[in-house]
C-alpha atoms as a PDB file:
ATOM      1  CA  MET A   1     217.358  58.345   8.783  1.00  0.00           C
ATOM      2  CA  ILE A   2     214.006  57.023  10.363  1.00  0.00           C
ATOM      3  CA  ASN A   3     211.658  54.530   9.148  1.00  0.00           C
ATOM      4  CA  PHE A   4     208.189  55.382  10.561  1.00  0.00           C
ATOM      5  CA  ASP A   5     205.270  53.019   9.927  1.00  0.00           C
ATOM      6  CA  GLY A   6     206.552  52.837   6.115  1.00  0.00           C
ATOM      7  CA  SER A   7     207.409  56.243   5.893  1.00  0.00           C
ATOM      8  CA  HIS A   8     211.106  57.578   5.756  1.00  0.00           C
ATOM      9  CA  TYR A   9     212.314  60.906   7.343  1.00  0.00           C
ATOM     10  CA  ASP A  10     215.884  62.733   7.274  1.00  0.00           C
ATOM     11  CA  SER A  11     215.672  63.777  10.801  1.00  0.00           C
ATOM     12  CA  LEU A  12     213.054  63.927  13.983  1.00  0.00           C
ATOM     13  CA  GLY A  13     212.487  67.185  12.890  1.00  0.00           C
ATOM     14  CA  LYS A  14     210.370  66.476   9.869  1.00  0.00           C
ATOM     15  CA  VAL A  15     208.235  63.619  11.278  1.00  0.00           C
ATOM     16  CA  PRO A  16     204.638  64.870  11.369  1.00  0.00           C
ATOM     17  CA  GLU A  17     203.595  66.377  14.912  1.00  0.00           C
ATOM     18  CA  LYS A  18     200.536  63.715  14.910  1.00  0.00           C
ATOM     19  CA  ASN A  19     203.416  61.167  15.174  1.00  0.00           C
ATOM     20  CA  LEU A  20     205.810  62.385  17.373  1.00  0.00           C
ATOM     21  CA  SER A  21     203.313  61.663  19.971  1.00  0.00           C
ATOM     22  CA  ILE A  22     203.567  58.167  19.687  1.00  0.00           C
ATOM     23  CA  PHE A  23     207.185  57.978  19.885  1.00  0.00           C
ATOM     24  CA  SER A  24     206.877  58.978  23.675  1.00  0.00           C
ATOM     25  CA  GLY A  25     204.623  55.731  24.244  1.00  0.00           C
ATOM     26  CA  ILE A  26     206.622  52.987  22.264  1.00  0.00           C
ATOM     27  CA  PRO A  27     210.367  51.923  23.140  1.00  0.00           C
ATOM     28  CA  LEU A  28     212.461  52.652  20.278  1.00  0.00           C
ATOM     29  CA  HIS A  29     215.561  50.703  19.361  1.00  0.00           C
ATOM     30  CA  THR A  30     218.694  52.009  17.237  1.00  0.00           C
ATOM     31  CA  GLU A  31     220.574  49.388  14.845  1.00  0.00           C
ATOM     32  CA  ILE A  32     223.583  49.776  12.830  1.00  0.00           C
ATOM     33  CA  LEU A  33     224.077  47.921   9.943  1.00  0.00           C
ATOM     34  CA  MET A  34     226.933  47.315   7.788  1.00  0.00           C
ATOM     35  CA  CYS A  35     226.132  47.034   4.035  1.00  0.00           C
ATOM     36  CA  SER A  36     228.257  45.220   1.024  1.00  0.00           C
ATOM     37  CA  LYS A  37     227.643  45.029  -2.445  1.00  0.00           C
ATOM     38  CA  VAL A  38     226.791  41.234  -1.214  1.00  0.00           C
ATOM     39  CA  GLY A  39     224.004  42.514   1.296  1.00  0.00           C
ATOM     40  CA  ILE A  40     223.656  43.447   4.931  1.00  0.00           C
ATOM     41  CA  LEU A  41     226.817  42.074   6.888  1.00  0.00           C
ATOM     42  CA  PHE A  42     225.642  39.565   9.887  1.00  0.00           C
ATOM     43  CA  TRP A  43     222.045  40.058   8.973  1.00  0.00           C
ATOM     44  CA  GLU A  44     220.797  37.497  11.306  1.00  0.00           C
ATOM     45  CA  ASP A  45     222.601  38.910  14.616  1.00  0.00           C
ATOM     46  CA  HIS A  46     220.890  42.030  13.891  1.00  0.00           C
ATOM     47  CA  TYR A  47     217.511  40.411  13.127  1.00  0.00           C
ATOM     48  CA  PHE A  48     217.580  38.660  16.395  1.00  0.00           C
ATOM     49  CA  MET A  49     218.987  41.602  18.580  1.00  0.00           C
ATOM     50  CA  LEU A  50     215.746  43.631  17.156  1.00  0.00           C
ATOM     51  CA  MET A  51     213.213  40.837  18.248  1.00  0.00           C
ATOM     52  CA  ALA A  52     215.135  39.998  21.476  1.00  0.00           C
ATOM     53  CA  THR A  53     214.724  43.822  22.064  1.00  0.00           C
ATOM     54  CA  LEU A  54     211.134  44.016  21.166  1.00  0.00           C
ATOM     55  CA  ARG A  55     210.530  40.708  23.433  1.00  0.00           C
ATOM     56  CA  LYS A  56     212.010  42.221  26.333  1.00  0.00           C
ATOM     57  CA  SER A  57     210.067  45.668  25.910  1.00  0.00           C
ATOM     58  CA  ARG A  58     206.922  43.479  25.757  1.00  0.00           C
ATOM     59  CA  VAL A  59     205.848  44.469  22.373  1.00  0.00           C
ATOM     60  CA  ASN A  60     203.151  42.401  20.820  1.00  0.00           C
ATOM     61  CA  ILE A  61     204.838  41.781  17.832  1.00  0.00           C
ATOM     62  CA  PRO A  62     203.041  41.053  14.640  1.00  0.00           C
ATOM     63  CA  MET A  63     203.756  38.008  12.465  1.00  0.00           C
ATOM     64  CA  THR A  64     204.854  40.019   9.588  1.00  0.00           C
ATOM     65  CA  TYR A  65     207.945  40.965  11.343  1.00  0.00           C
ATOM     66  CA  THR A  66     209.902  38.035   9.279  1.00  0.00           C
ATOM     67  CA  MET A  67     213.629  38.448   8.105  1.00  0.00           C
ATOM     68  CA  GLU A  68     212.281  39.340   4.838  1.00  0.00           C
ATOM     69  CA  TYR A  69     210.209  42.209   5.651  1.00  0.00           C
ATOM     70  CA  PHE A  70     212.858  44.153   7.574  1.00  0.00           C
ATOM     71  CA  GLN A  71     215.162  43.199   4.453  1.00  0.00           C
ATOM     72  CA  ASP A  72     212.692  44.850   2.260  1.00  0.00           C
ATOM     73  CA  GLN A  73     212.675  48.069   4.561  1.00  0.00           C
ATOM     74  CA  ILE A  74     216.233  48.423   4.727  1.00  0.00           C
ATOM     75  CA  ARG A  75     216.549  48.204   0.981  1.00  0.00           C
ATOM     76  CA  ASP A  76     213.826  51.065   1.053  1.00  0.00           C
ATOM     77  CA  LEU A  77     215.958  53.037   3.011  1.00  0.00           C
ATOM     78  CA  GLN A  78     218.698  52.114   0.944  1.00  0.00           C
ATOM     79  CA  MET A  79     217.124  53.603  -1.823  1.00  0.00           C
ATOM     80  CA  VAL A  80     215.941  56.541  -0.440  1.00  0.00           C
ATOM     81  CA  MET A  81     219.373  57.791   0.902  1.00  0.00           C
ATOM     82  CA  LEU A  82     220.643  57.039  -2.470  1.00  0.00           C
ATOM     83  CA  ASN A  83     218.430  59.662  -4.305  1.00  0.00           C
END
C-alpha cells in the first residue's frame, strides 16, 4: 500500500504518471507496522526511526509531521485496506 500526498494506491503501477517522476528525486522509506486492537505496537520507535531517516536524508521536515499526523495517515490506510 502506498500513501502519496494523502492519496492511497494499491501498487506503484496505479500511481499517476506525473507523480512517478517525483519518486525518483526523493528518498523512500519503508516501515512495517504491527497493529493490534489497541493500536500500533512500538509506535514511538517507528516514528523516531522515520524522523531519523528523514534527517539523514537531509529532507526539510515540515512542522506538521507530528506523531498525531502519522497516526491519522496510518488509520486512513487501515480503513482503505479494510474496505
